[in-house]
Amino acid sequence: MTLASFQRWLDDIDPGVHRRIKGLRLVTAYGIAALMGSLYGGSHALVGGGSLGVLAGGFALWASVLEGRASRPESSRDLVLLCAAAMAGAALTAGLTPLLTHSGRAIPEATLVLGAFLVGYLRRFGLLATGVGAQVFIGQILAYTLGLTVADLPLVLVAGLMAMVATTVPRLLSGPAERPVPALPSPLVASYGRFSPEFFMGLQAALACAAIVVLNATIGLQESVWAMAACTFVVASTAAGTIARIRMRVIGTLVGVPLGLACLPLAEHVPILGWTLAALAMVIYAMALPARYDIASGAYAFTLIVTLAVSGEHSLPMLVARLWETIVGGVLGLATASFVFPLRERRGD
């Protein structure tokens, strides 16, 4: 691909450069939060040994992704609330972990079932509520993967405050250069009685996550949260939409994971170049997310593999698990969307 054709491709998926600017903003927010967390975490370590920088960076990154307002005051308000939602999700999982660990290693995941339900259900209340539901779930994922406990709750608060600063400052500086893509209207959906379609979207995601909890307890998974994220974020307002998102997510992951694996030697021996590639992939993720979920999924899968490698994870079975666990989550998401109160687009008379 020549430079000119690459530029045309960029302009096709991001006319006006607005999404590229958002991509740079979310990378900047992650970097600021991760740096602040690493500096503070040097003297205040998480009990489980995880990085405070990863926690703060995760809060900031996904708050920046999920925020979609046009004006800086509204964006800043939403960013603060989204970071607070991630804090709440992390605190919930950290607080309940001691009550759920004595019965087996997979039991603490059960708290994520509630977050998966909120991802679907809160969509009925608008843009901010949609982001809040996703952030609660993401906060739970971060808490589970980092092994947070009750003793870490003060640092969860610290990480959230860092994320609030790290997200709002770049947004204030980006100003009117960003122009969010308007959300497409959701199709009218045939309802089941007095329950809203969003209730069943949440129920579908929650049941798929519960199935993964059982599966992990039975046979064990490398990173079960990857499967849980896959089955939760593919749920759409109709069964047909869910099937389309599953197909795009799997296709993107099938491309992104091998590309990430091909960069393992580079990420291992030249970490700064690995981080640079990951940052560029996240910019592409932000550009593609509204209209090209397949490209966005591939870019994020690539980023995840490269950042894991840079952070010292070189186990090939672990890295490849991103691929097959995404497929497991997609299959379970497909099953619940197809057989658990399947949502169909309402046909006109």
Protein backbone atom coordinates (compact mmCIF):
# COMPACT_ATOMS: atom_id res chain seq x y z
CA MET A 1 0.00 0.00 0.00
CA THR A 2 1.44 3.36 -1.03
CA LEU A 3 1.39 6.40 1.24
CA ALA A 4 -1.24 8.05 -0.95
CA SER A 5 -3.55 5.03 -0.87
CA PHE A 6 -3.09 4.75 2.90
CA GLN A 7 -4.06 8.41 3.25
CA ARG A 8 -7.16 7.82 1.12
CA TRP A 9 -8.08 4.86 3.32
CA LEU A 10 -7.73 7.02 6.43
CA ASP A 11 -9.92 9.71 4.90
CA ASP A 12 -12.56 7.15 3.96
CA ILE A 13 -13.03 5.90 7.51
CA ASP A 14 -12.29 9.23 9.22
CA PRO A 15 -13.30 12.19 7.04
CA GLY A 16 -12.39 15.45 8.69
CA VAL A 17 -9.69 13.92 10.94
CA HIS A 18 -11.98 14.19 13.97
CA ARG A 19 -11.67 10.55 15.03
CA ARG A 20 -7.89 10.61 14.68
CA ILE A 21 -7.78 13.46 17.14
CA LYS A 22 -9.95 11.48 19.55
CA GLY A 23 -7.61 8.52 19.11
CA LEU A 24 -4.63 10.66 20.05
CA ARG A 25 -6.58 11.99 23.02
CA LEU A 26 -7.41 8.59 24.44
CA VAL A 27 -3.79 7.44 24.03
CA THR A 28 -2.66 10.62 25.79
CA ALA A 29 -5.16 10.09 28.61
CA TYR A 30 -3.95 6.52 29.10
CA GLY A 31 -0.33 7.63 29.14
CA ILE A 32 -0.90 10.42 31.67
CA ALA A 33 -2.93 8.19 34.00
CA ALA A 34 -0.49 5.28 33.70
CA LEU A 35 2.46 7.56 34.44
CA MET A 36 0.75 9.13 37.45
CA GLY A 37 -0.23 5.71 38.75
CA SER A 38 3.26 4.30 38.28
CA LEU A 39 4.85 7.22 40.11
CA TYR A 40 2.41 7.03 43.02
CA GLY A 41 2.32 3.23 43.00
CA GLY A 42 6.05 3.04 43.65
CA SER A 43 5.35 3.77 47.31
CA HIS A 44 1.74 2.53 47.47
CA ALA A 45 1.53 -0.92 45.87
CA LEU A 46 -1.64 -2.88 45.25
CA VAL A 47 -2.02 -5.86 47.56
CA GLY A 48 -2.18 -8.36 44.70
CA GLY A 49 1.00 -7.01 43.14
CA GLY A 50 -0.72 -5.41 40.17
CA SER A 51 0.18 -2.00 38.81
CA LEU A 52 -1.68 1.08 39.95
CA GLY A 53 -0.69 2.63 36.62
CA VAL A 54 -2.54 -0.11 34.73
CA LEU A 55 -5.64 0.46 36.87
CA ALA A 56 -5.64 4.25 36.43
CA GLY A 57 -4.76 3.93 32.75
CA GLY A 58 -7.60 1.48 32.17
CA PHE A 59 -10.11 3.80 33.83
CA ALA A 60 -8.89 6.73 31.70
CA LEU A 61 -8.61 4.88 28.39
CA TRP A 62 -12.11 3.46 28.32
CA ALA A 63 -13.72 6.61 29.73
CA SER A 64 -12.18 8.47 26.79
CA VAL A 65 -13.42 5.84 24.33
CA LEU A 66 -16.98 5.84 25.68
CA GLU A 67 -17.42 9.61 26.00
CA GLY A 68 -19.14 11.13 22.97
CA ARG A 69 -20.18 14.73 23.61
CA ALA A 70 -19.57 17.67 21.28
CA SER A 71 -18.81 20.42 23.81
CA ARG A 72 -15.91 20.49 26.24
CA PRO A 73 -17.99 21.15 29.39
CA GLU A 74 -20.32 18.23 28.66
CA SER A 75 -17.41 15.99 27.71
CA SER A 76 -15.52 16.85 30.89
CA ARG A 77 -18.59 16.15 33.01
CA ASP A 78 -19.15 12.80 31.34
CA LEU A 79 -15.49 11.84 31.65
CA VAL A 80 -15.58 12.44 35.40
CA LEU A 81 -18.76 10.39 35.75
CA LEU A 82 -17.39 7.57 33.58
CA CYS A 83 -14.22 7.37 35.67
CA ALA A 84 -16.39 7.30 38.79
CA ALA A 85 -18.42 4.43 37.28
CA ALA A 86 -15.23 2.44 36.65
CA MET A 87 -14.20 3.09 40.26
CA ALA A 88 -17.57 1.80 41.44
CA GLY A 89 -17.25 -1.36 39.37
CA ALA A 90 -13.73 -2.03 40.61
CA ALA A 91 -14.75 -1.36 44.20
CA LEU A 92 -17.71 -3.73 43.89
CA THR A 93 -15.58 -6.62 42.68
CA ALA A 94 -12.77 -5.87 45.13
CA GLY A 95 -15.21 -5.66 48.04
CA LEU A 96 -17.01 -8.90 47.21
CA THR A 97 -13.92 -10.95 46.32
CA PRO A 98 -13.22 -12.11 49.91
CA LEU A 99 -16.76 -13.47 50.11
CA LEU A 100 -16.42 -15.43 46.87
CA THR A 101 -12.91 -16.88 46.89
CA HIS A 102 -13.29 -19.77 49.31
CA SER A 103 -15.35 -21.95 46.97
CA GLY A 104 -13.02 -22.01 43.94
CA ARG A 105 -10.86 -19.87 41.72
CA ALA A 106 -13.57 -18.96 39.21
CA ILE A 107 -16.17 -17.78 41.73
CA PRO A 108 -14.99 -14.13 41.97
CA GLU A 109 -15.97 -13.72 38.31
CA ALA A 110 -19.60 -13.99 39.36
CA THR A 111 -19.60 -10.28 40.19
CA LEU A 112 -19.02 -9.52 36.50
CA VAL A 113 -22.41 -11.01 35.63
CA LEU A 114 -24.06 -7.93 37.15
CA GLY A 115 -21.79 -5.63 35.14
CA ALA A 116 -22.62 -7.51 31.95
CA PHE A 117 -26.33 -6.98 32.61
CA LEU A 118 -25.79 -3.25 33.14
CA VAL A 119 -23.94 -2.96 29.82
CA GLY A 120 -27.11 -3.93 28.01
CA TYR A 121 -29.81 -2.59 30.31
CA LEU A 122 -28.51 0.95 30.84
CA ARG A 123 -28.61 1.65 27.11
CA ARG A 124 -32.25 2.54 27.49
CA PHE A 125 -31.30 5.72 29.39
CA GLY A 126 -29.13 7.37 26.76
CA LEU A 127 -25.50 8.00 25.84
CA LEU A 128 -24.09 8.67 29.30
CA ALA A 129 -25.91 5.75 30.92
CA THR A 130 -24.64 3.45 28.14
CA GLY A 131 -21.09 4.50 28.97
CA VAL A 132 -21.68 4.13 32.71
CA GLY A 133 -22.85 0.55 32.26
CA ALA A 134 -19.78 -0.29 30.15
CA GLN A 135 -17.44 1.42 32.61
CA VAL A 136 -18.83 -0.47 35.60
CA PHE A 137 -18.12 -3.71 33.73
CA ILE A 138 -14.64 -2.56 32.69
CA GLY A 139 -13.85 -1.55 36.27
CA GLN A 140 -14.89 -5.02 37.39
CA ILE A 141 -12.67 -6.63 34.74
CA LEU A 142 -9.68 -4.55 35.87
CA ALA A 143 -10.31 -5.39 39.52
CA TYR A 144 -10.59 -9.10 38.76
CA THR A 145 -7.49 -9.30 36.54
CA LEU A 146 -5.39 -7.26 38.99
CA GLY A 147 -6.61 -9.29 41.97
CA LEU A 148 -7.92 -6.32 43.95
CA THR A 149 -9.22 -6.85 47.48
CA VAL A 150 -10.84 -4.73 50.18
CA ALA A 151 -7.42 -3.45 51.22
CA ASP A 152 -7.01 -1.91 47.76
CA LEU A 153 -10.16 0.23 47.94
CA PRO A 154 -8.30 3.46 48.89
CA LEU A 155 -6.04 3.00 45.86
CA VAL A 156 -9.08 2.41 43.65
CA LEU A 157 -10.22 5.89 44.69
CA VAL A 158 -6.76 7.30 43.96
CA ALA A 159 -6.69 5.63 40.54
CA GLY A 160 -10.11 7.07 39.72
CA LEU A 161 -9.04 10.60 40.67
CA MET A 162 -5.93 10.25 38.53
CA ALA A 163 -8.05 9.06 35.63
CA MET A 164 -10.38 12.05 35.98
CA VAL A 165 -7.46 14.44 35.65
CA ALA A 166 -5.83 12.46 32.85
CA THR A 167 -9.01 12.38 30.75
CA THR A 168 -10.32 15.91 31.21
CA VAL A 169 -7.06 17.77 30.50
CA PRO A 170 -6.58 16.36 26.95
CA ARG A 171 -10.28 16.91 26.22
CA LEU A 172 -10.06 20.55 27.20
CA LEU A 173 -7.03 20.95 24.93
CA SER A 174 -8.55 19.14 21.95
CA GLY A 175 -11.42 21.61 21.90
CA PRO A 176 -13.60 21.91 18.78
CA ALA A 177 -11.23 19.73 16.72
CA GLU A 178 -13.33 16.72 17.76
CA ARG A 179 -16.75 16.14 16.30
CA PRO A 180 -18.47 12.97 17.58
CA VAL A 181 -20.16 10.74 15.04
CA PRO A 182 -23.94 10.85 15.63
CA ALA A 183 -25.31 7.54 16.84
CA LEU A 184 -27.49 5.70 14.37
CA PRO A 185 -31.12 5.34 15.48
CA SER A 186 -31.87 1.93 16.94
CA PRO A 187 -34.40 -0.16 15.04
CA LEU A 188 -37.85 -0.57 16.54
CA VAL A 189 -37.87 -3.90 18.33
CA ALA A 190 -40.77 -6.20 19.08
CA SER A 191 -41.09 -6.33 22.88
CA TYR A 192 -41.93 -9.11 25.31
CA GLY A 193 -44.69 -7.85 27.57
CA ARG A 194 -43.86 -4.90 29.78
CA PHE A 195 -40.07 -5.39 29.75
CA SER A 196 -37.91 -3.16 27.58
CA PRO A 197 -35.66 -4.56 24.84
CA GLU A 198 -32.67 -3.30 26.81
CA PHE A 199 -33.67 -5.51 29.74
CA PHE A 200 -33.39 -8.55 27.50
CA MET A 201 -30.11 -7.31 26.05
CA GLY A 202 -28.74 -7.18 29.58
CA LEU A 203 -30.22 -10.58 30.37
CA GLN A 204 -28.63 -12.11 27.28
CA ALA A 205 -25.18 -10.76 28.18
CA ALA A 206 -25.52 -11.77 31.83
CA LEU A 207 -26.53 -15.34 30.99
CA ALA A 208 -23.65 -15.71 28.56
CA CYS A 209 -21.23 -14.45 31.22
CA ALA A 210 -22.72 -16.82 33.80
CA ALA A 211 -22.13 -19.69 31.37
CA ILE A 212 -18.47 -18.63 31.10
CA VAL A 213 -18.14 -18.60 34.90
CA VAL A 214 -19.41 -22.20 34.96
CA LEU A 215 -17.16 -23.15 32.04
CA ASN A 216 -14.11 -21.68 33.76
CA ALA A 217 -14.93 -23.50 36.98
CA THR A 218 -15.31 -26.76 35.06
CA ILE A 219 -12.42 -26.84 32.59
CA GLY A 220 -10.44 -23.66 33.31
CA LEU A 221 -9.74 -20.86 30.84
CA GLN A 222 -6.55 -18.87 30.32
CA GLU A 223 -8.26 -15.48 30.68
CA SER A 224 -11.98 -15.98 31.05
CA VAL A 225 -12.63 -12.22 31.13
CA TRP A 226 -11.70 -12.07 27.44
CA ALA A 227 -14.57 -14.41 26.66
CA MET A 228 -16.86 -12.46 29.00
CA ALA A 229 -16.02 -9.16 27.31
CA ALA A 230 -16.62 -10.71 23.90
CA CYS A 231 -20.09 -12.03 24.71
CA THR A 232 -21.09 -8.80 26.48
CA PHE A 233 -20.04 -6.13 24.02
CA VAL A 234 -21.38 -7.93 20.94
CA VAL A 235 -24.98 -7.82 22.18
CA ALA A 236 -26.95 -5.47 19.94
CA SER A 237 -30.54 -4.26 19.84
CA THR A 238 -31.61 -7.15 17.59
CA ALA A 239 -30.51 -10.75 17.17
CA ALA A 240 -29.42 -9.97 13.61
CA GLY A 241 -27.33 -7.06 14.88
CA THR A 242 -25.69 -9.29 17.49
CA ILE A 243 -24.82 -11.88 14.85
CA ALA A 244 -23.26 -9.16 12.67
CA ARG A 245 -21.19 -7.81 15.56
CA ILE A 246 -20.02 -11.31 16.52
CA ARG A 247 -18.92 -11.93 12.93
CA MET A 248 -17.01 -8.64 12.78
CA ARG A 249 -15.39 -9.15 16.18
CA VAL A 250 -14.21 -12.66 15.32
CA ILE A 251 -12.90 -11.57 11.91
CA GLY A 252 -11.05 -8.64 13.45
CA THR A 253 -9.56 -10.82 16.16
CA LEU A 254 -8.48 -13.43 13.59
CA VAL A 255 -6.46 -10.69 11.90
CA GLY A 256 -5.27 -8.70 14.92
CA VAL A 257 -3.93 -11.57 17.03
CA PRO A 258 -1.62 -13.01 14.34
CA LEU A 259 -0.33 -9.53 13.54
CA GLY A 260 0.40 -9.00 17.23
CA LEU A 261 2.14 -12.36 17.48
CA ALA A 262 4.30 -11.46 14.47
CA CYS A 263 5.48 -8.40 16.41
CA LEU A 264 6.46 -10.36 19.54
CA PRO A 265 10.23 -10.25 18.91
CA LEU A 266 10.02 -6.53 18.29
CA ALA A 267 7.93 -5.92 21.42
CA GLU A 268 10.30 -8.03 23.51
CA HIS A 269 13.60 -6.51 22.36
CA VAL A 270 12.53 -2.93 21.49
CA PRO A 271 9.76 -2.10 24.01
CA ILE A 272 9.49 1.56 23.02
CA LEU A 273 8.67 0.55 19.46
CA GLY A 274 6.11 -1.94 20.77
CA TRP A 275 4.37 0.79 22.76
CA THR A 276 4.43 3.04 19.70
CA LEU A 277 2.76 0.39 17.54
CA ALA A 278 0.17 -0.20 20.26
CA ALA A 279 -0.59 3.52 20.44
CA LEU A 280 -1.01 3.74 16.66
CA ALA A 281 -3.33 0.73 16.77
CA MET A 282 -5.49 2.44 19.38
CA VAL A 283 -5.75 5.52 17.18
CA ILE A 284 -6.98 3.25 14.38
CA TYR A 285 -9.38 1.67 16.91
CA ALA A 286 -10.90 5.07 17.70
CA MET A 287 -11.17 5.95 14.02
CA ALA A 288 -12.85 2.70 13.02
CA LEU A 289 -15.12 2.06 16.01
CA PRO A 290 -18.30 3.86 14.88
CA ALA A 291 -18.59 2.25 11.45
CA ARG A 292 -16.03 -0.57 11.13
CA TYR A 293 -16.29 -2.79 14.20
CA ASP A 294 -14.18 -5.45 12.47
CA ILE A 295 -11.22 -3.09 12.04
CA ALA A 296 -11.67 -1.76 15.58
CA SER A 297 -11.69 -5.31 16.99
CA GLY A 298 -8.56 -6.20 15.05
CA ALA A 299 -6.76 -3.04 16.19
CA TYR A 300 -7.60 -3.69 19.83
CA ALA A 301 -6.60 -7.38 19.63
CA PHE A 302 -3.26 -6.29 18.16
CA THR A 303 -2.82 -3.70 20.93
CA LEU A 304 -3.58 -6.22 23.65
CA ILE A 305 -1.10 -8.82 22.35
CA VAL A 306 1.69 -6.26 21.90
CA THR A 307 1.19 -4.61 25.30
CA LEU A 308 1.11 -7.98 27.04
CA ALA A 309 4.39 -8.88 25.32
CA VAL A 310 6.00 -5.56 26.24
CA SER A 311 4.88 -6.07 29.84
CA GLY A 312 6.68 -9.43 29.98
CA GLU A 313 3.99 -11.93 28.94
CA HIS A 314 5.60 -14.16 26.30
CA SER A 315 3.62 -17.38 26.78
CA LEU A 316 2.30 -18.31 23.35
CA PRO A 317 -0.68 -20.32 24.73
CA MET A 318 -1.70 -17.33 26.83
CA LEU A 319 -1.49 -14.89 23.93
CA VAL A 320 -3.25 -17.22 21.48
CA ALA A 321 -6.02 -17.65 24.06
CA ARG A 322 -7.20 -14.17 23.06
CA LEU A 323 -8.25 -15.67 19.76
CA TRP A 324 -10.09 -18.79 20.81
CA GLU A 325 -11.65 -17.25 23.94
CA THR A 326 -13.09 -14.47 21.78
CA ILE A 327 -14.66 -17.19 19.66
CA VAL A 328 -16.02 -18.93 22.79
CA GLY A 329 -17.55 -15.67 23.99
CA GLY A 330 -18.97 -14.96 20.56
CA VAL A 331 -20.59 -18.40 20.35
CA LEU A 332 -22.20 -17.99 23.77
CA GLY A 333 -23.34 -14.47 22.88
CA LEU A 334 -24.84 -15.84 19.69
CA ALA A 335 -26.63 -18.59 21.60
CA THR A 336 -28.24 -16.26 24.13
CA ALA A 337 -29.19 -13.68 21.49
CA SER A 338 -30.79 -16.40 19.38
CA PHE A 339 -32.60 -18.40 22.05
CA VAL A 340 -33.10 -16.18 25.13
CA PHE A 341 -35.97 -13.82 24.23
CA PRO A 342 -34.49 -13.11 20.77
CA LEU A 343 -35.06 -9.50 19.74
CA ARG A 344 -36.46 -8.97 16.26
CA GLU A 345 -36.90 -5.77 14.34
CA ARG A 346 -40.54 -4.75 14.30
CA ARG A 347 -42.07 -5.02 10.87
CA GLY A 348 -44.36 -2.33 9.58
CA ASP A 349 -48.01 -3.11 8.88
